[in-house]
Amino acid sequence: AHLWYFGNLKVLPEKIEGVEILKGVEA
């Protein structure tokens, strides 16, 4: 993905399907 993808991960909810989501990268 482009850099913008990682910069915009904040739009993801804190939980999806009942599971907590941390937004990150394998740099």
mmCIF file of all heavy atoms, coordinates in Angstrom:
data_MODEL
# 
_entry.id   MODEL 
# 
loop_
_atom_site.group_PDB 
_atom_site.id 
_atom_site.type_symbol 
_atom_site.label_atom_id 
_atom_site.label_alt_id 
_atom_site.label_comp_id 
_atom_site.label_asym_id 
_atom_site.label_entity_id 
_atom_site.label_seq_id 
_atom_site.pdbx_PDB_ins_code 
_atom_site.Cartn_x 
_atom_site.Cartn_y 
_atom_site.Cartn_z 
_atom_site.occupancy 
_atom_site.B_iso_or_equiv 
_atom_site.pdbx_formal_charge 
_atom_site.auth_seq_id 
_atom_site.auth_comp_id 
_atom_site.auth_asym_id 
_atom_site.auth_atom_id 
_atom_site.pdbx_PDB_model_num 
ATOM 1   N N   . ALA A 1 1  ? 0.814   -1.214  0.000  1.00 0.00 ? 1  ALA A N   1 
ATOM 2   C CA  . ALA A 1 1  ? 0.000   0.000   0.000  1.00 0.00 ? 1  ALA A CA  1 
ATOM 3   C C   . ALA A 1 1  ? 0.850   1.268   0.000  1.00 0.00 ? 1  ALA A C   1 
ATOM 4   O O   . ALA A 1 1  ? 2.016   1.265   0.420  1.00 0.00 ? 1  ALA A O   1 
ATOM 5   C CB  . ALA A 1 1  ? -0.925  0.000   1.215  1.00 0.00 ? 1  ALA A CB  1 
ATOM 6   N N   . HIS A 1 2  ? 0.236   2.346   -0.423 1.00 0.00 ? 2  HIS A N   1 
ATOM 7   C CA  . HIS A 1 2  ? 0.852   3.676   -0.409 1.00 0.00 ? 2  HIS A CA  1 
ATOM 8   C C   . HIS A 1 2  ? 0.966   4.176   1.026  1.00 0.00 ? 2  HIS A C   1 
ATOM 9   O O   . HIS A 1 2  ? 0.251   3.716   1.924  1.00 0.00 ? 2  HIS A O   1 
ATOM 10  C CB  . HIS A 1 2  ? -0.027  4.625   -1.235 1.00 0.00 ? 2  HIS A CB  1 
ATOM 11  C CG  . HIS A 1 2  ? 0.588   5.956   -1.505 1.00 0.00 ? 2  HIS A CG  1 
ATOM 12  N ND1 . HIS A 1 2  ? 0.517   7.001   -0.608 1.00 0.00 ? 2  HIS A ND1 1 
ATOM 13  C CD2 . HIS A 1 2  ? 1.269   6.419   -2.581 1.00 0.00 ? 2  HIS A CD2 1 
ATOM 14  C CE1 . HIS A 1 2  ? 1.135   8.052   -1.120 1.00 0.00 ? 2  HIS A CE1 1 
ATOM 15  N NE2 . HIS A 1 2  ? 1.599   7.737   -2.313 1.00 0.00 ? 2  HIS A NE2 1 
ATOM 16  N N   . LEU A 1 3  ? 1.848   5.109   1.240  1.00 0.00 ? 3  LEU A N   1 
ATOM 17  C CA  . LEU A 1 3  ? 2.001   5.737   2.558  1.00 0.00 ? 3  LEU A CA  1 
ATOM 18  C C   . LEU A 1 3  ? 0.670   6.210   3.125  1.00 0.00 ? 3  LEU A C   1 
ATOM 19  O O   . LEU A 1 3  ? 0.428   6.116   4.337  1.00 0.00 ? 3  LEU A O   1 
ATOM 20  C CB  . LEU A 1 3  ? 2.957   6.934   2.483  1.00 0.00 ? 3  LEU A CB  1 
ATOM 21  C CG  . LEU A 1 3  ? 4.454   6.676   2.590  1.00 0.00 ? 3  LEU A CG  1 
ATOM 22  C CD1 . LEU A 1 3  ? 5.208   7.980   2.395  1.00 0.00 ? 3  LEU A CD1 1 
ATOM 23  C CD2 . LEU A 1 3  ? 4.793   6.063   3.932  1.00 0.00 ? 3  LEU A CD2 1 
ATOM 24  N N   . TRP A 1 4  ? -0.180  6.732   2.256  1.00 0.00 ? 4  TRP A N   1 
ATOM 25  C CA  . TRP A 1 4  ? -1.464  7.272   2.736  1.00 0.00 ? 4  TRP A CA  1 
ATOM 26  C C   . TRP A 1 4  ? -2.312  6.212   3.418  1.00 0.00 ? 4  TRP A C   1 
ATOM 27  O O   . TRP A 1 4  ? -3.100  6.518   4.299  1.00 0.00 ? 4  TRP A O   1 
ATOM 28  C CB  . TRP A 1 4  ? -2.232  7.894   1.570  1.00 0.00 ? 4  TRP A CB  1 
ATOM 29  C CG  . TRP A 1 4  ? -1.553  9.093   1.003  1.00 0.00 ? 4  TRP A CG  1 
ATOM 30  C CD1 . TRP A 1 4  ? -0.485  9.777   1.534  1.00 0.00 ? 4  TRP A CD1 1 
ATOM 31  C CD2 . TRP A 1 4  ? -1.876  9.767   -0.209 1.00 0.00 ? 4  TRP A CD2 1 
ATOM 32  N NE1 . TRP A 1 4  ? -0.119  10.824  0.732  1.00 0.00 ? 4  TRP A NE1 1 
ATOM 33  C CE2 . TRP A 1 4  ? -0.964  10.841  -0.349 1.00 0.00 ? 4  TRP A CE2 1 
ATOM 34  C CE3 . TRP A 1 4  ? -2.833  9.567   -1.192 1.00 0.00 ? 4  TRP A CE3 1 
ATOM 35  C CZ2 . TRP A 1 4  ? -0.997  11.711  -1.431 1.00 0.00 ? 4  TRP A CZ2 1 
ATOM 36  C CZ3 . TRP A 1 4  ? -2.868  10.435  -2.269 1.00 0.00 ? 4  TRP A CZ3 1 
ATOM 37  C CH2 . TRP A 1 4  ? -1.974  11.490  -2.387 1.00 0.00 ? 4  TRP A CH2 1 
ATOM 38  N N   . TYR A 1 5  ? -2.171  4.975   2.991  1.00 0.00 ? 5  TYR A N   1 
ATOM 39  C CA  . TYR A 1 5  ? -2.921  3.884   3.617  1.00 0.00 ? 5  TYR A CA  1 
ATOM 40  C C   . TYR A 1 5  ? -2.610  3.824   5.104  1.00 0.00 ? 5  TYR A C   1 
ATOM 41  O O   . TYR A 1 5  ? -3.518  3.722   5.941  1.00 0.00 ? 5  TYR A O   1 
ATOM 42  C CB  . TYR A 1 5  ? -2.553  2.569   2.933  1.00 0.00 ? 5  TYR A CB  1 
ATOM 43  C CG  . TYR A 1 5  ? -3.068  1.325   3.625  1.00 0.00 ? 5  TYR A CG  1 
ATOM 44  C CD1 . TYR A 1 5  ? -4.353  0.859   3.393  1.00 0.00 ? 5  TYR A CD1 1 
ATOM 45  C CD2 . TYR A 1 5  ? -2.252  0.599   4.496  1.00 0.00 ? 5  TYR A CD2 1 
ATOM 46  C CE1 . TYR A 1 5  ? -4.826  -0.292  4.007  1.00 0.00 ? 5  TYR A CE1 1 
ATOM 47  C CE2 . TYR A 1 5  ? -2.714  -0.548  5.119  1.00 0.00 ? 5  TYR A CE2 1 
ATOM 48  C CZ  . TYR A 1 5  ? -3.994  -0.986  4.876  1.00 0.00 ? 5  TYR A CZ  1 
ATOM 49  O OH  . TYR A 1 5  ? -4.456  -2.116  5.495  1.00 0.00 ? 5  TYR A OH  1 
ATOM 50  N N   . PHE A 1 6  ? -1.332  3.902   5.437  1.00 0.00 ? 6  PHE A N   1 
ATOM 51  C CA  . PHE A 1 6  ? -0.923  3.811   6.843  1.00 0.00 ? 6  PHE A CA  1 
ATOM 52  C C   . PHE A 1 6  ? -1.278  5.082   7.609  1.00 0.00 ? 6  PHE A C   1 
ATOM 53  O O   . PHE A 1 6  ? -1.620  5.034   8.781  1.00 0.00 ? 6  PHE A O   1 
ATOM 54  C CB  . PHE A 1 6  ? 0.582   3.516   6.928  1.00 0.00 ? 6  PHE A CB  1 
ATOM 55  C CG  . PHE A 1 6  ? 0.945   2.227   6.257  1.00 0.00 ? 6  PHE A CG  1 
ATOM 56  C CD1 . PHE A 1 6  ? 1.447   2.216   4.961  1.00 0.00 ? 6  PHE A CD1 1 
ATOM 57  C CD2 . PHE A 1 6  ? 0.747   1.016   6.905  1.00 0.00 ? 6  PHE A CD2 1 
ATOM 58  C CE1 . PHE A 1 6  ? 1.762   1.027   4.330  1.00 0.00 ? 6  PHE A CE1 1 
ATOM 59  C CE2 . PHE A 1 6  ? 1.053   -0.184  6.281  1.00 0.00 ? 6  PHE A CE2 1 
ATOM 60  C CZ  . PHE A 1 6  ? 1.558   -0.183  4.991  1.00 0.00 ? 6  PHE A CZ  1 
ATOM 61  N N   . GLY A 1 7  ? -1.241  6.205   6.917  1.00 0.00 ? 7  GLY A N   1 
ATOM 62  C CA  . GLY A 1 7  ? -1.604  7.455   7.562  1.00 0.00 ? 7  GLY A CA  1 
ATOM 63  C C   . GLY A 1 7  ? -3.091  7.571   7.860  1.00 0.00 ? 7  GLY A C   1 
ATOM 64  O O   . GLY A 1 7  ? -3.500  8.356   8.716  1.00 0.00 ? 7  GLY A O   1 
ATOM 65  N N   . ASN A 1 8  ? -3.897  6.753   7.176  1.00 0.00 ? 8  ASN A N   1 
ATOM 66  C CA  . ASN A 1 8  ? -5.350  6.850   7.317  1.00 0.00 ? 8  ASN A CA  1 
ATOM 67  C C   . ASN A 1 8  ? -5.952  5.692   8.120  1.00 0.00 ? 8  ASN A C   1 
ATOM 68  O O   . ASN A 1 8  ? -7.178  5.574   8.216  1.00 0.00 ? 8  ASN A O   1 
ATOM 69  C CB  . ASN A 1 8  ? -6.003  6.900   5.929  1.00 0.00 ? 8  ASN A CB  1 
ATOM 70  C CG  . ASN A 1 8  ? -7.413  7.436   5.975  1.00 0.00 ? 8  ASN A CG  1 
ATOM 71  O OD1 . ASN A 1 8  ? -7.703  8.407   6.672  1.00 0.00 ? 8  ASN A OD1 1 
ATOM 72  N ND2 . ASN A 1 8  ? -8.315  6.806   5.231  1.00 0.00 ? 8  ASN A ND2 1 
ATOM 73  N N   . LEU A 1 9  ? -5.133  4.856   8.721  1.00 0.00 ? 9  LEU A N   1 
ATOM 74  C CA  . LEU A 1 9  ? -5.649  3.718   9.480  1.00 0.00 ? 9  LEU A CA  1 
ATOM 75  C C   . LEU A 1 9  ? -6.520  4.143   10.665 1.00 0.00 ? 9  LEU A C   1 
ATOM 76  O O   . LEU A 1 9  ? -7.278  3.346   11.205 1.00 0.00 ? 9  LEU A O   1 
ATOM 77  C CB  . LEU A 1 9  ? -4.497  2.838   9.978  1.00 0.00 ? 9  LEU A CB  1 
ATOM 78  C CG  . LEU A 1 9  ? -3.826  1.952   8.921  1.00 0.00 ? 9  LEU A CG  1 
ATOM 79  C CD1 . LEU A 1 9  ? -2.585  1.278   9.507  1.00 0.00 ? 9  LEU A CD1 1 
ATOM 80  C CD2 . LEU A 1 9  ? -4.787  0.902   8.394  1.00 0.00 ? 9  LEU A CD2 1 
ATOM 81  N N   . LYS A 1 10 ? -6.407  5.414   11.025 1.00 0.00 ? 10 LYS A N   1 
ATOM 82  C CA  . LYS A 1 10 ? -7.214  5.935   12.143 1.00 0.00 ? 10 LYS A CA  1 
ATOM 83  C C   . LYS A 1 10 ? -8.708  5.806   11.896 1.00 0.00 ? 10 LYS A C   1 
ATOM 84  O O   . LYS A 1 10 ? -9.510  5.852   12.841 1.00 0.00 ? 10 LYS A O   1 
ATOM 85  C CB  . LYS A 1 10 ? -6.859  7.395   12.417 1.00 0.00 ? 10 LYS A CB  1 
ATOM 86  C CG  . LYS A 1 10 ? -7.134  8.329   11.252 1.00 0.00 ? 10 LYS A CG  1 
ATOM 87  C CD  . LYS A 1 10 ? -6.691  9.742   11.562 1.00 0.00 ? 10 LYS A CD  1 
ATOM 88  C CE  . LYS A 1 10 ? -6.950  10.689  10.390 1.00 0.00 ? 10 LYS A CE  1 
ATOM 89  N NZ  . LYS A 1 10 ? -6.135  10.371  9.202  1.00 0.00 ? 10 LYS A NZ  1 
ATOM 90  N N   . VAL A 1 11 ? -9.112  5.634   10.638 1.00 0.00 ? 11 VAL A N   1 
ATOM 91  C CA  . VAL A 1 11 ? -10.544 5.532   10.350 1.00 0.00 ? 11 VAL A CA  1 
ATOM 92  C C   . VAL A 1 11 ? -11.116 4.173   10.772 1.00 0.00 ? 11 VAL A C   1 
ATOM 93  O O   . VAL A 1 11 ? -12.340 4.018   10.860 1.00 0.00 ? 11 VAL A O   1 
ATOM 94  C CB  . VAL A 1 11 ? -10.840 5.774   8.852  1.00 0.00 ? 11 VAL A CB  1 
ATOM 95  C CG1 . VAL A 1 11 ? -10.307 7.130   8.420  1.00 0.00 ? 11 VAL A CG1 1 
ATOM 96  C CG2 . VAL A 1 11 ? -10.291 4.657   7.971  1.00 0.00 ? 11 VAL A CG2 1 
ATOM 97  N N   . LEU A 1 12 ? -10.263 3.215   11.030 1.00 0.00 ? 12 LEU A N   1 
ATOM 98  C CA  . LEU A 1 12 ? -10.752 1.900   11.450 1.00 0.00 ? 12 LEU A CA  1 
ATOM 99  C C   . LEU A 1 12 ? -11.345 1.982   12.850 1.00 0.00 ? 12 LEU A C   1 
ATOM 100 O O   . LEU A 1 12 ? -10.806 2.677   13.720 1.00 0.00 ? 12 LEU A O   1 
ATOM 101 C CB  . LEU A 1 12 ? -9.609  0.878   11.461 1.00 0.00 ? 12 LEU A CB  1 
ATOM 102 C CG  . LEU A 1 12 ? -8.985  0.497   10.126 1.00 0.00 ? 12 LEU A CG  1 
ATOM 103 C CD1 . LEU A 1 12 ? -7.850  -0.491  10.359 1.00 0.00 ? 12 LEU A CD1 1 
ATOM 104 C CD2 . LEU A 1 12 ? -10.029 -0.104  9.201  1.00 0.00 ? 12 LEU A CD2 1 
ATOM 105 N N   . PRO A 1 13 ? -12.418 1.266   13.103 1.00 0.00 ? 13 PRO A N   1 
ATOM 106 C CA  . PRO A 1 13 ? -12.976 1.244   14.460 1.00 0.00 ? 13 PRO A CA  1 
ATOM 107 C C   . PRO A 1 13 ? -12.051 0.505   15.407 1.00 0.00 ? 13 PRO A C   1 
ATOM 108 O O   . PRO A 1 13 ? -11.175 -0.262  14.982 1.00 0.00 ? 13 PRO A O   1 
ATOM 109 C CB  . PRO A 1 13 ? -14.291 0.488   14.286 1.00 0.00 ? 13 PRO A CB  1 
ATOM 110 C CG  . PRO A 1 13 ? -14.113 -0.333  13.056 1.00 0.00 ? 13 PRO A CG  1 
ATOM 111 C CD  . PRO A 1 13 ? -13.213 0.458   12.157 1.00 0.00 ? 13 PRO A CD  1 
ATOM 112 N N   . GLU A 1 14 ? -12.242 0.722   16.699 1.00 0.00 ? 14 GLU A N   1 
ATOM 113 C CA  . GLU A 1 14 ? -11.395 0.070   17.687 1.00 0.00 ? 14 GLU A CA  1 
ATOM 114 C C   . GLU A 1 14 ? -11.674 -1.425  17.773 1.00 0.00 ? 14 GLU A C   1 
ATOM 115 O O   . GLU A 1 14 ? -10.779 -2.203  18.154 1.00 0.00 ? 14 GLU A O   1 
ATOM 116 C CB  . GLU A 1 14 ? -11.595 0.711   19.066 1.00 0.00 ? 14 GLU A CB  1 
ATOM 117 C CG  . GLU A 1 14 ? -11.074 2.137   19.149 1.00 0.00 ? 14 GLU A CG  1 
ATOM 118 C CD  . GLU A 1 14 ? -11.156 2.697   20.555 1.00 0.00 ? 14 GLU A CD  1 
ATOM 119 O OE1 . GLU A 1 14 ? -11.580 1.967   21.469 1.00 0.00 ? 14 GLU A OE1 1 
ATOM 120 O OE2 . GLU A 1 14 ? -10.783 3.873   20.737 1.00 0.00 ? 14 GLU A OE2 1 
ATOM 121 N N   . LYS A 1 15 ? -12.889 -1.821  17.432 1.00 0.00 ? 15 LYS A N   1 
ATOM 122 C CA  . LYS A 1 15 ? -13.244 -3.237  17.415 1.00 0.00 ? 15 LYS A CA  1 
ATOM 123 C C   . LYS A 1 15 ? -13.956 -3.583  16.110 1.00 0.00 ? 15 LYS A C   1 
ATOM 124 O O   . LYS A 1 15 ? -14.740 -2.787  15.591 1.00 0.00 ? 15 LYS A O   1 
ATOM 125 C CB  . LYS A 1 15 ? -14.153 -3.597  18.597 1.00 0.00 ? 15 LYS A CB  1 
ATOM 126 C CG  . LYS A 1 15 ? -13.434 -3.718  19.927 1.00 0.00 ? 15 LYS A CG  1 
ATOM 127 C CD  . LYS A 1 15 ? -14.349 -4.319  20.990 1.00 0.00 ? 15 LYS A CD  1 
ATOM 128 C CE  . LYS A 1 15 ? -13.599 -4.539  22.303 1.00 0.00 ? 15 LYS A CE  1 
ATOM 129 N NZ  . LYS A 1 15 ? -14.459 -5.218  23.312 1.00 0.00 ? 15 LYS A NZ  1 
ATOM 130 N N   . ILE A 1 16 ? -13.637 -4.761  15.585 1.00 0.00 ? 16 ILE A N   1 
ATOM 131 C CA  . ILE A 1 16 ? -14.312 -5.288  14.413 1.00 0.00 ? 16 ILE A CA  1 
ATOM 132 C C   . ILE A 1 16 ? -14.671 -6.736  14.722 1.00 0.00 ? 16 ILE A C   1 
ATOM 133 O O   . ILE A 1 16 ? -13.832 -7.510  15.195 1.00 0.00 ? 16 ILE A O   1 
ATOM 134 C CB  . ILE A 1 16 ? -13.414 -5.229  13.157 1.00 0.00 ? 16 ILE A CB  1 
ATOM 135 C CG1 . ILE A 1 16 ? -13.038 -3.769  12.833 1.00 0.00 ? 16 ILE A CG1 1 
ATOM 136 C CG2 . ILE A 1 16 ? -14.107 -5.870  11.957 1.00 0.00 ? 16 ILE A CG2 1 
ATOM 137 C CD1 . ILE A 1 16 ? -12.057 -3.624  11.691 1.00 0.00 ? 16 ILE A CD1 1 
ATOM 138 N N   . GLU A 1 17 ? -15.925 -7.086  14.492 1.00 0.00 ? 17 GLU A N   1 
ATOM 139 C CA  . GLU A 1 17 ? -16.392 -8.453  14.756 1.00 0.00 ? 17 GLU A CA  1 
ATOM 140 C C   . GLU A 1 17 ? -16.093 -8.892  16.196 1.00 0.00 ? 17 GLU A C   1 
ATOM 141 O O   . GLU A 1 17 ? -15.807 -10.056 16.467 1.00 0.00 ? 17 GLU A O   1 
ATOM 142 C CB  . GLU A 1 17 ? -15.750 -9.442  13.767 1.00 0.00 ? 17 GLU A CB  1 
ATOM 143 C CG  . GLU A 1 17 ? -16.074 -9.174  12.312 1.00 0.00 ? 17 GLU A CG  1 
ATOM 144 C CD  . GLU A 1 17 ? -17.515 -9.507  11.957 1.00 0.00 ? 17 GLU A CD  1 
ATOM 145 O OE1 . GLU A 1 17 ? -18.053 -10.474 12.507 1.00 0.00 ? 17 GLU A OE1 1 
ATOM 146 O OE2 . GLU A 1 17 ? -18.107 -8.775  11.127 1.00 0.00 ? 17 GLU A OE2 1 
ATOM 147 N N   . GLY A 1 18 ? -16.132 -7.921  17.111 1.00 0.00 ? 18 GLY A N   1 
ATOM 148 C CA  . GLY A 1 18 ? -15.917 -8.237  18.520 1.00 0.00 ? 18 GLY A CA  1 
ATOM 149 C C   . GLY A 1 18 ? -14.469 -8.367  18.936 1.00 0.00 ? 18 GLY A C   1 
ATOM 150 O O   . GLY A 1 18 ? -14.179 -8.726  20.085 1.00 0.00 ? 18 GLY A O   1 
ATOM 151 N N   . VAL A 1 19 ? -13.539 -8.069  18.040 1.00 0.00 ? 19 VAL A N   1 
ATOM 152 C CA  . VAL A 1 19 ? -12.107 -8.199  18.325 1.00 0.00 ? 19 VAL A CA  1 
ATOM 153 C C   . VAL A 1 19 ? -11.457 -6.824  18.269 1.00 0.00 ? 19 VAL A C   1 
ATOM 154 O O   . VAL A 1 19 ? -11.689 -6.052  17.339 1.00 0.00 ? 19 VAL A O   1 
ATOM 155 C CB  . VAL A 1 19 ? -11.430 -9.141  17.310 1.00 0.00 ? 19 VAL A CB  1 
ATOM 156 C CG1 . VAL A 1 19 ? -9.924  -9.209  17.553 1.00 0.00 ? 19 VAL A CG1 1 
ATOM 157 C CG2 . VAL A 1 19 ? -12.046 -10.538 17.394 1.00 0.00 ? 19 VAL A CG2 1 
ATOM 158 N N   . GLU A 1 20 ? -10.642 -6.519  19.272 1.00 0.00 ? 20 GLU A N   1 
ATOM 159 C CA  . GLU A 1 20 ? -9.944  -5.243  19.297 1.00 0.00 ? 20 GLU A CA  1 
ATOM 160 C C   . GLU A 1 20 ? -8.879  -5.215  18.204 1.00 0.00 ? 20 GLU A C   1 
ATOM 161 O O   . GLU A 1 20 ? -8.184  -6.196  17.974 1.00 0.00 ? 20 GLU A O   1 
ATOM 162 C CB  . GLU A 1 20 ? -9.308  -5.026  20.673 1.00 0.00 ? 20 GLU A CB  1 
ATOM 163 C CG  . GLU A 1 20 ? -8.848  -3.608  20.909 1.00 0.00 ? 20 GLU A CG  1 
ATOM 164 C CD  . GLU A 1 20 ? -8.606  -3.297  22.378 1.00 0.00 ? 20 GLU A CD  1 
ATOM 165 O OE1 . GLU A 1 20 ? -8.894  -4.162  23.236 1.00 0.00 ? 20 GLU A OE1 1 
ATOM 166 O OE2 . GLU A 1 20 ? -8.124  -2.186  22.655 1.00 0.00 ? 20 GLU A OE2 1 
ATOM 167 N N   . ILE A 1 21 ? -8.763  -4.052  17.555 1.00 0.00 ? 21 ILE A N   1 
ATOM 168 C CA  . ILE A 1 21 ? -7.847  -3.903  16.428 1.00 0.00 ? 21 ILE A CA  1 
ATOM 169 C C   . ILE A 1 21 ? -6.778  -2.867  16.745 1.00 0.00 ? 21 ILE A C   1 
ATOM 170 O O   . ILE A 1 21 ? -7.088  -1.727  17.088 1.00 0.00 ? 21 ILE A O   1 
ATOM 171 C CB  . ILE A 1 21 ? -8.600  -3.446  15.152 1.00 0.00 ? 21 ILE A CB  1 
ATOM 172 C CG1 . ILE A 1 21 ? -9.789  -4.365  14.852 1.00 0.00 ? 21 ILE A CG1 1 
ATOM 173 C CG2 . ILE A 1 21 ? -7.629  -3.372  13.975 1.00 0.00 ? 21 ILE A CG2 1 
ATOM 174 C CD1 . ILE A 1 21 ? -9.443  -5.767  14.476 1.00 0.00 ? 21 ILE A CD1 1 
ATOM 175 N N   . LEU A 1 22 ? -5.521  -3.266  16.625 1.00 0.00 ? 22 LEU A N   1 
ATOM 176 C CA  . LEU A 1 22 ? -4.421  -2.310  16.678 1.00 0.00 ? 22 LEU A CA  1 
ATOM 177 C C   . LEU A 1 22 ? -3.951  -2.041  15.257 1.00 0.00 ? 22 LEU A C   1 
ATOM 178 O O   . LEU A 1 22 ? -3.820  -2.972  14.452 1.00 0.00 ? 22 LEU A O   1 
ATOM 179 C CB  . LEU A 1 22 ? -3.258  -2.830  17.518 1.00 0.00 ? 22 LEU A CB  1 
ATOM 180 C CG  . LEU A 1 22 ? -3.500  -2.974  19.024 1.00 0.00 ? 22 LEU A CG  1 
ATOM 181 C CD1 . LEU A 1 22 ? -2.201  -3.346  19.744 1.00 0.00 ? 22 LEU A CD1 1 
ATOM 182 C CD2 . LEU A 1 22 ? -4.087  -1.705  19.631 1.00 0.00 ? 22 LEU A CD2 1 
ATOM 183 N N   . LYS A 1 23 ? -3.722  -0.767  14.947 1.00 0.00 ? 23 LYS A N   1 
ATOM 184 C CA  . LYS A 1 23 ? -3.334  -0.381  13.602 1.00 0.00 ? 23 LYS A CA  1 
ATOM 185 C C   . LYS A 1 23 ? -1.816  -0.275  13.536 1.00 0.00 ? 23 LYS A C   1 
ATOM 186 O O   . LYS A 1 23 ? -1.203  0.453   14.320 1.00 0.00 ? 23 LYS A O   1 
ATOM 187 C CB  . LYS A 1 23 ? -3.954  0.958   13.219 1.00 0.00 ? 23 LYS A CB  1 
ATOM 188 C CG  . LYS A 1 23 ? -5.485  0.946   13.181 1.00 0.00 ? 23 LYS A CG  1 
ATOM 189 C CD  . LYS A 1 23 ? -6.102  1.347   14.495 1.00 0.00 ? 23 LYS A CD  1 
ATOM 190 C CE  . LYS A 1 23 ? -7.604  1.559   14.371 1.00 0.00 ? 23 LYS A CE  1 
ATOM 191 N NZ  . LYS A 1 23 ? -8.271  1.904   15.629 1.00 0.00 ? 23 LYS A NZ  1 
ATOM 192 N N   . GLY A 1 24 ? -1.222  -0.998  12.593 1.00 0.00 ? 24 GLY A N   1 
ATOM 193 C CA  . GLY A 1 24 ? 0.231   -1.004  12.540 1.00 0.00 ? 24 GLY A CA  1 
ATOM 194 C C   . GLY A 1 24 ? 0.796   -1.244  11.165 1.00 0.00 ? 24 GLY A C   1 
ATOM 195 O O   . GLY A 1 24 ? 0.133   -1.064  10.143 1.00 0.00 ? 24 GLY A O   1 
ATOM 196 N N   . VAL A 1 25 ? 2.052   -1.686  11.157 1.00 0.00 ? 25 VAL A N   1 
ATOM 197 C CA  . VAL A 1 25 ? 2.770   -1.928  9.907  1.00 0.00 ? 25 VAL A CA  1 
ATOM 198 C C   . VAL A 1 25 ? 3.872   -2.944  10.168 1.00 0.00 ? 25 VAL A C   1 
ATOM 199 O O   . VAL A 1 25 ? 4.398   -3.034  11.279 1.00 0.00 ? 25 VAL A O   1 
ATOM 200 C CB  . VAL A 1 25 ? 3.386   -0.620  9.362  1.00 0.00 ? 25 VAL A CB  1 
ATOM 201 C CG1 . VAL A 1 25 ? 4.463   -0.083  10.308 1.00 0.00 ? 25 VAL A CG1 1 
ATOM 202 C CG2 . VAL A 1 25 ? 3.964   -0.796  7.966  1.00 0.00 ? 25 VAL A CG2 1 
ATOM 203 N N   . GLU A 1 26 ? 4.193   -3.718  9.142  1.00 0.00 ? 26 GLU A N   1 
ATOM 204 C CA  . GLU A 1 26 ? 5.463   -4.443  9.130  1.00 0.00 ? 26 GLU A CA  1 
ATOM 205 C C   . GLU A 1 26 ? 6.367   -3.646  8.213  1.00 0.00 ? 26 GLU A C   1 
ATOM 206 O O   . GLU A 1 26 ? 6.338   -3.795  6.992  1.00 0.00 ? 26 GLU A O   1 
ATOM 207 C CB  . GLU A 1 26 ? 5.322   -5.883  8.642  1.00 0.00 ? 26 GLU A CB  1 
ATOM 208 C CG  . GLU A 1 26 ? 6.661   -6.611  8.712  1.00 0.00 ? 26 GLU A CG  1 
ATOM 209 C CD  . GLU A 1 26 ? 6.627   -8.026  8.177  1.00 0.00 ? 26 GLU A CD  1 
ATOM 210 O OE1 . GLU A 1 26 ? 5.643   -8.417  7.535  1.00 0.00 ? 26 GLU A OE1 1 
ATOM 211 O OE2 . GLU A 1 26 ? 7.625   -8.744  8.401  1.00 0.00 ? 26 GLU A OE2 1 
ATOM 212 N N   . ALA A 1 27 ? 7.146   -2.766  8.809  1.00 0.00 ? 27 ALA A N   1 
ATOM 213 C CA  . ALA A 1 27 ? 8.018   -1.881  8.049  1.00 0.00 ? 27 ALA A CA  1 
ATOM 214 C C   . ALA A 1 27 ? 9.248   -2.638  7.566  1.00 0.00 ? 27 ALA A C   1 
ATOM 215 O O   . ALA A 1 27 ? 9.711   -3.593  8.199  1.00 0.00 ? 27 ALA A O   1 
ATOM 216 C CB  . ALA A 1 27 ? 8.436   -0.695  8.917  1.00 0.00 ? 27 ALA A CB  1 
# 
